[in-house]
PDB file of N, CA and C in Angstrom:
ATOM      1  N   UNK A   1      73.544 -42.739 -12.713  1.00  0.00           N
ATOM      2  CA  UNK A   1      74.754 -42.274 -12.051  1.00  0.00           C
ATOM      3  C   UNK A   1      74.803 -40.743 -12.003  1.00  0.00           C
ATOM      4  N   UNK A   2      74.318 -40.106 -13.101  1.00  0.00           N
ATOM      5  CA  UNK A   2      74.319 -38.642 -13.129  1.00  0.00           C
ATOM      6  C   UNK A   2      73.385 -38.060 -12.063  1.00  0.00           C
ATOM      7  N   UNK A   3      72.259 -38.725 -11.839  1.00  0.00           N
ATOM      8  CA  UNK A   3      71.312 -38.237 -10.841  1.00  0.00           C
ATOM      9  C   UNK A   3      71.917 -38.311  -9.443  1.00  0.00           C
ATOM     10  N   UNK A   4      72.630 -39.386  -9.154  1.00  0.00           N
ATOM     11  CA  UNK A   4      73.261 -39.543  -7.840  1.00  0.00           C
ATOM     12  C   UNK A   4      74.331 -38.484  -7.648  1.00  0.00           C
ATOM     13  N   UNK A   5      75.143 -38.254  -8.672  1.00  0.00           N
ATOM     14  CA  UNK A   5      76.188 -37.234  -8.597  1.00  0.00           C
ATOM     15  C   UNK A   5      75.582 -35.844  -8.411  1.00  0.00           C
ATOM     16  N   UNK A   6      74.498 -35.584  -9.137  1.00  0.00           N
ATOM     17  CA  UNK A   6      73.812 -34.289  -9.015  1.00  0.00           C
ATOM     18  C   UNK A   6      73.256 -34.102  -7.599  1.00  0.00           C
ATOM     19  N   UNK A   7      72.675 -35.146  -7.043  1.00  0.00           N
ATOM     20  CA  UNK A   7      72.131 -35.073  -5.689  1.00  0.00           C
ATOM     21  C   UNK A   7      73.238 -34.819  -4.667  1.00  0.00           C
ATOM     22  N   UNK A   8      74.350 -35.518  -4.795  1.00  0.00           N
ATOM     23  CA  UNK A   8      75.478 -35.341  -3.875  1.00  0.00           C
ATOM     24  C   UNK A   8      76.027 -33.922  -3.962  1.00  0.00           C
ATOM     25  N   UNK A   9      76.196 -33.409  -5.169  1.00  0.00           N
ATOM     26  CA  UNK A   9      76.710 -32.044  -5.329  1.00  0.00           C
ATOM     27  C   UNK A   9      75.731 -31.011  -4.762  1.00  0.00           C
ATOM     28  N   UNK A  10      74.441 -31.234  -4.941  1.00  0.00           N
ATOM     29  CA  UNK A  10      73.437 -30.324  -4.391  1.00  0.00           C
ATOM     30  C   UNK A  10      73.497 -30.309  -2.868  1.00  0.00           C
ATOM     31  N   UNK A  11      73.604 -31.476  -2.260  1.00  0.00           N
ATOM     32  CA  UNK A  11      73.696 -31.547  -0.802  1.00  0.00           C
ATOM     33  C   UNK A  11      74.957 -30.860  -0.288  1.00  0.00           C
ATOM     34  N   UNK A  12      76.059 -31.044  -0.981  1.00  0.00           N
ATOM     35  CA  UNK A  12      77.319 -30.400  -0.582  1.00  0.00           C
ATOM     36  C   UNK A  12      77.188 -28.885  -0.661  1.00  0.00           C
ATOM     37  N   UNK A  13      76.508 -28.394  -1.690  1.00  0.00           N
ATOM     38  CA  UNK A  13      76.346 -26.939  -1.831  1.00  0.00           C
ATOM     39  C   UNK A  13      75.410 -26.365  -0.770  1.00  0.00           C
ATOM     40  N   UNK A  14      74.443 -27.143  -0.298  1.00  0.00           N
ATOM     41  CA  UNK A  14      73.492 -26.658   0.704  1.00  0.00           C
ATOM     42  C   UNK A  14      74.026 -26.730   2.128  1.00  0.00           C
ATOM     43  N   UNK A  15      75.038 -27.521   2.381  1.00  0.00           N
ATOM     44  CA  UNK A  15      75.568 -27.708   3.732  1.00  0.00           C
ATOM     45  C   UNK A  15      75.947 -26.388   4.424  1.00  0.00           C
ATOM     46  N   UNK A  16      76.684 -25.476   3.784  1.00  0.00           N
ATOM     47  CA  UNK A  16      77.023 -24.217   4.478  1.00  0.00           C
ATOM     48  C   UNK A  16      75.788 -23.430   4.916  1.00  0.00           C
ATOM     49  N   UNK A  17      74.720 -23.457   4.136  1.00  0.00           N
ATOM     50  CA  UNK A  17      73.488 -22.745   4.513  1.00  0.00           C
ATOM     51  C   UNK A  17      72.873 -23.340   5.762  1.00  0.00           C
ATOM     52  N   UNK A  18      72.858 -24.648   5.868  1.00  0.00           N
ATOM     53  CA  UNK A  18      72.289 -25.323   7.036  1.00  0.00           C
ATOM     54  C   UNK A  18      73.134 -25.024   8.267  1.00  0.00           C
ATOM     55  N   UNK A  19      74.439 -25.024   8.133  1.00  0.00           N
ATOM     56  CA  UNK A  19      75.327 -24.750   9.261  1.00  0.00           C
ATOM     57  C   UNK A  19      75.146 -23.325   9.756  1.00  0.00           C
ATOM     58  N   UNK A  20      75.029 -22.358   8.852  1.00  0.00           N
ATOM     59  CA  UNK A  20      74.843 -20.960   9.250  1.00  0.00           C
ATOM     60  C   UNK A  20      73.520 -20.787   9.982  1.00  0.00           C
ATOM     61  N   UNK A  21      72.450 -21.407   9.493  1.00  0.00           N
ATOM     62  CA  UNK A  21      71.156 -21.294  10.159  1.00  0.00           C
ATOM     63  C   UNK A  21      71.204 -21.896  11.556  1.00  0.00           C
ATOM     64  N   UNK A  22      71.907 -22.987  11.736  1.00  0.00           N
ATOM     65  CA  UNK A  22      72.003 -23.617  13.048  1.00  0.00           C
ATOM     66  C   UNK A  22      72.782 -22.744  14.017  1.00  0.00           C
ATOM     67  N   UNK A  23      73.799 -22.038  13.534  1.00  0.00           N
ATOM     68  CA  UNK A  23      74.606 -21.196  14.408  1.00  0.00           C
ATOM     69  C   UNK A  23      73.866 -19.929  14.820  1.00  0.00           C
ATOM     70  N   UNK A  24      72.939 -19.435  13.982  1.00  0.00           N
ATOM     71  CA  UNK A  24      72.225 -18.202  14.291  1.00  0.00           C
ATOM     72  C   UNK A  24      71.224 -18.384  15.423  1.00  0.00           C
ATOM     73  N   UNK A  25      70.675 -19.573  15.565  1.00  0.00           N
ATOM     74  CA  UNK A  25      69.724 -19.825  16.637  1.00  0.00           C
ATOM     75  C   UNK A  25      70.494 -20.155  17.912  1.00  0.00           C
ATOM     76  N   UNK A  26      70.557 -19.185  18.803  1.00  0.00           N
ATOM     77  CA  UNK A  26      71.293 -19.427  20.041  1.00  0.00           C
ATOM     78  C   UNK A  26      70.305 -19.550  21.204  1.00  0.00           C
ATOM     79  N   UNK A  27      70.659 -20.358  22.146  1.00  0.00           N
ATOM     80  CA  UNK A  27      69.847 -20.573  23.335  1.00  0.00           C
ATOM     81  C   UNK A  27      70.304 -19.578  24.396  1.00  0.00           C
ATOM     82  N   UNK A  28      69.390 -18.782  24.941  1.00  0.00           N
ATOM     83  CA  UNK A  28      69.797 -17.817  25.964  1.00  0.00           C
ATOM     84  C   UNK A  28      70.370 -18.512  27.192  1.00  0.00           C
ATOM     85  N   UNK A  29      71.421 -17.926  27.753  1.00  0.00           N
ATOM     86  CA  UNK A  29      72.047 -18.484  28.957  1.00  0.00           C
ATOM     87  C   UNK A  29      71.863 -17.580  30.159  1.00  0.00           C
ATOM     88  N   UNK A  30      71.197 -16.441  29.967  1.00  0.00           N
ATOM     89  CA  UNK A  30      70.911 -15.560  31.098  1.00  0.00           C
ATOM     90  C   UNK A  30      69.748 -14.655  30.716  1.00  0.00           C
ATOM     91  N   UNK A  31      69.119 -14.072  31.747  1.00  0.00           N
ATOM     92  CA  UNK A  31      67.996 -13.191  31.483  1.00  0.00           C
ATOM     93  C   UNK A  31      67.439 -12.607  32.763  1.00  0.00           C
ATOM     94  N   UNK A  32      66.326 -11.897  32.607  1.00  0.00           N
ATOM     95  CA  UNK A  32      65.684 -11.248  33.748  1.00  0.00           C
ATOM     96  C   UNK A  32      64.258 -11.756  33.872  1.00  0.00           C
ATOM     97  N   UNK A  33      63.874 -12.091  35.098  1.00  0.00           N
ATOM     98  CA  UNK A  33      62.501 -12.513  35.387  1.00  0.00           C
ATOM     99  C   UNK A  33      61.710 -11.285  35.828  1.00  0.00           C
ATOM    100  N   UNK A  34      60.411 -11.451  35.970  1.00  0.00           N
ATOM    101  CA  UNK A  34      59.585 -10.368  36.485  1.00  0.00           C
ATOM    102  C   UNK A  34      59.946 -10.087  37.934  1.00  0.00           C
ATOM    103  N   UNK A  35      59.881  -8.845  38.334  1.00  0.00           N
ATOM    104  CA  UNK A  35      60.111  -8.502  39.727  1.00  0.00           C
ATOM    105  C   UNK A  35      61.565  -8.293  40.098  1.00  0.00           C
ATOM    106  N   UNK A  36      62.447  -8.046  39.140  1.00  0.00           N
ATOM    107  CA  UNK A  36      63.839  -7.738  39.462  1.00  0.00           C
ATOM    108  C   UNK A  36      64.713  -8.944  39.758  1.00  0.00           C
ATOM    109  N   UNK A  37      64.294 -10.118  39.330  1.00  0.00           N
ATOM    110  CA  UNK A  37      65.112 -11.313  39.516  1.00  0.00           C
ATOM    111  C   UNK A  37      65.876 -11.609  38.225  1.00  0.00           C
ATOM    112  N   UNK A  38      67.067 -12.141  38.371  1.00  0.00           N
ATOM    113  CA  UNK A  38      67.909 -12.468  37.233  1.00  0.00           C
ATOM    114  C   UNK A  38      68.277 -13.943  37.283  1.00  0.00           C
ATOM    115  N   UNK A  39      68.450 -14.549  36.109  1.00  0.00           N
ATOM    116  CA  UNK A  39      68.839 -15.948  36.062  1.00  0.00           C
ATOM    117  C   UNK A  39      70.014 -16.115  35.117  1.00  0.00           C
ATOM    118  N   UNK A  40      70.800 -17.163  35.401  1.00  0.00           N
ATOM    119  CA  UNK A  40      71.946 -17.486  34.556  1.00  0.00           C
ATOM    120  C   UNK A  40      72.135 -19.001  34.566  1.00  0.00           C
ATOM    121  N   UNK A  41      72.357 -19.579  33.403  1.00  0.00           N
ATOM    122  CA  UNK A  41      72.614 -21.006  33.271  1.00  0.00           C
ATOM    123  C   UNK A  41      74.026 -21.171  32.737  1.00  0.00           C
ATOM    124  N   UNK A  42      74.907 -21.720  33.552  1.00  0.00           N
ATOM    125  CA  UNK A  42      76.321 -21.836  33.184  1.00  0.00           C
ATOM    126  C   UNK A  42      76.858 -23.195  33.615  1.00  0.00           C
ATOM    127  N   UNK A  43      77.369 -23.956  32.675  1.00  0.00           N
ATOM    128  CA  UNK A  43      77.944 -25.282  32.947  1.00  0.00           C
ATOM    129  C   UNK A  43      76.987 -26.194  33.710  1.00  0.00           C
ATOM    130  N   UNK A  44      75.712 -26.181  33.343  1.00  0.00           N
ATOM    131  CA  UNK A  44      74.737 -27.066  33.962  1.00  0.00           C
ATOM    132  C   UNK A  44      74.179 -26.574  35.282  1.00  0.00           C
ATOM    133  N   UNK A  45      74.536 -25.351  35.687  1.00  0.00           N
ATOM    134  CA  UNK A  45      74.070 -24.808  36.966  1.00  0.00           C
ATOM    135  C   UNK A  45      73.152 -23.617  36.696  1.00  0.00           C
ATOM    136  N   UNK A  46      71.931 -23.660  37.235  1.00  0.00           N
ATOM    137  CA  UNK A  46      70.994 -22.542  37.129  1.00  0.00           C
ATOM    138  C   UNK A  46      71.095 -21.708  38.393  1.00  0.00           C
ATOM    139  N   UNK A  47      71.415 -20.419  38.231  1.00  0.00           N
ATOM    140  CA  UNK A  47      71.525 -19.497  39.355  1.00  0.00           C
ATOM    141  C   UNK A  47      70.457 -18.419  39.208  1.00  0.00           C
ATOM    142  N   UNK A  48      69.668 -18.218  40.253  1.00  0.00           N
ATOM    143  CA  UNK A  48      68.655 -17.168  40.283  1.00  0.00           C
ATOM    144  C   UNK A  48      69.044 -16.207  41.387  1.00  0.00           C
ATOM    145  N   UNK A  49      69.137 -14.921  41.051  1.00  0.00           N
ATOM    146  CA  UNK A  49      69.561 -13.927  42.042  1.00  0.00           C
ATOM    147  C   UNK A  49      68.649 -12.711  41.976  1.00  0.00           C
ATOM    148  N   UNK A  50      68.727 -11.884  43.010  1.00  0.00           N
ATOM    149  CA  UNK A  50      67.933 -10.671  43.085  1.00  0.00           C
ATOM    150  C   UNK A  50      67.114 -10.651  44.357  1.00  0.00           C
ATOM    151  N   UNK A  51      66.189  -9.715  44.419  1.00  0.00           N
ATOM    152  CA  UNK A  51      65.338  -9.574  45.592  1.00  0.00           C
ATOM    153  C   UNK A  51      63.882  -9.571  45.170  1.00  0.00           C
ATOM    154  N   UNK A  52      63.028 -10.083  46.034  1.00  0.00           N
ATOM    155  CA  UNK A  52      61.592 -10.097  45.760  1.00  0.00           C
ATOM    156  C   UNK A  52      61.087 -11.490  45.438  1.00  0.00           C
ATOM    157  N   UNK A  53      59.781 -11.558  45.211  1.00  0.00           N
ATOM    158  CA  UNK A  53      59.146 -12.839  44.909  1.00  0.00           C
ATOM    159  C   UNK A  53      59.234 -13.128  43.422  1.00  0.00           C
ATOM    160  N   UNK A  54      59.374 -14.411  43.105  1.00  0.00           N
ATOM    161  CA  UNK A  54      59.369 -14.825  41.712  1.00  0.00           C
ATOM    162  C   UNK A  54      57.928 -15.082  41.305  1.00  0.00           C
ATOM    163  N   UNK A  55      57.488 -14.425  40.253  1.00  0.00           N
ATOM    164  CA  UNK A  55      56.132 -14.620  39.769  1.00  0.00           C
ATOM    165  C   UNK A  55      55.978 -15.957  39.069  1.00  0.00           C
ATOM    166  N   UNK A  56      54.762 -16.398  38.923  1.00  0.00           N
ATOM    167  CA  UNK A  56      54.474 -17.642  38.231  1.00  0.00           C
ATOM    168  C   UNK A  56      54.305 -17.340  36.749  1.00  0.00           C
ATOM    169  N   UNK A  57      55.091 -18.008  35.928  1.00  0.00           N
ATOM    170  CA  UNK A  57      55.026 -17.796  34.489  1.00  0.00           C
ATOM    171  C   UNK A  57      54.833 -19.137  33.808  1.00  0.00           C
ATOM    172  N   UNK A  58      53.895 -19.204  32.897  1.00  0.00           N
ATOM    173  CA  UNK A  58      53.674 -20.414  32.133  1.00  0.00           C
ATOM    174  C   UNK A  58      54.100 -20.127  30.706  1.00  0.00           C
ATOM    175  N   UNK A  59      55.066 -20.898  30.212  1.00  0.00           N
ATOM    176  CA  UNK A  59      55.579 -20.666  28.858  1.00  0.00           C
ATOM    177  C   UNK A  59      54.923 -21.595  27.870  1.00  0.00           C
TER     178      UNK A  59
END
């Protein structure tokens, strides 16, 4: 019983650390492509604006 209680208390103490790490990793919602093009992702819509050709990029 002591081992189970110890495990539960350890998990409870680690929870804030896991939550903070998850919040620090943010997904970019806008940026700049090569050649003066800009992109923005908002509410499920991807918008690409600017002038010129979009280069081919492999990530």
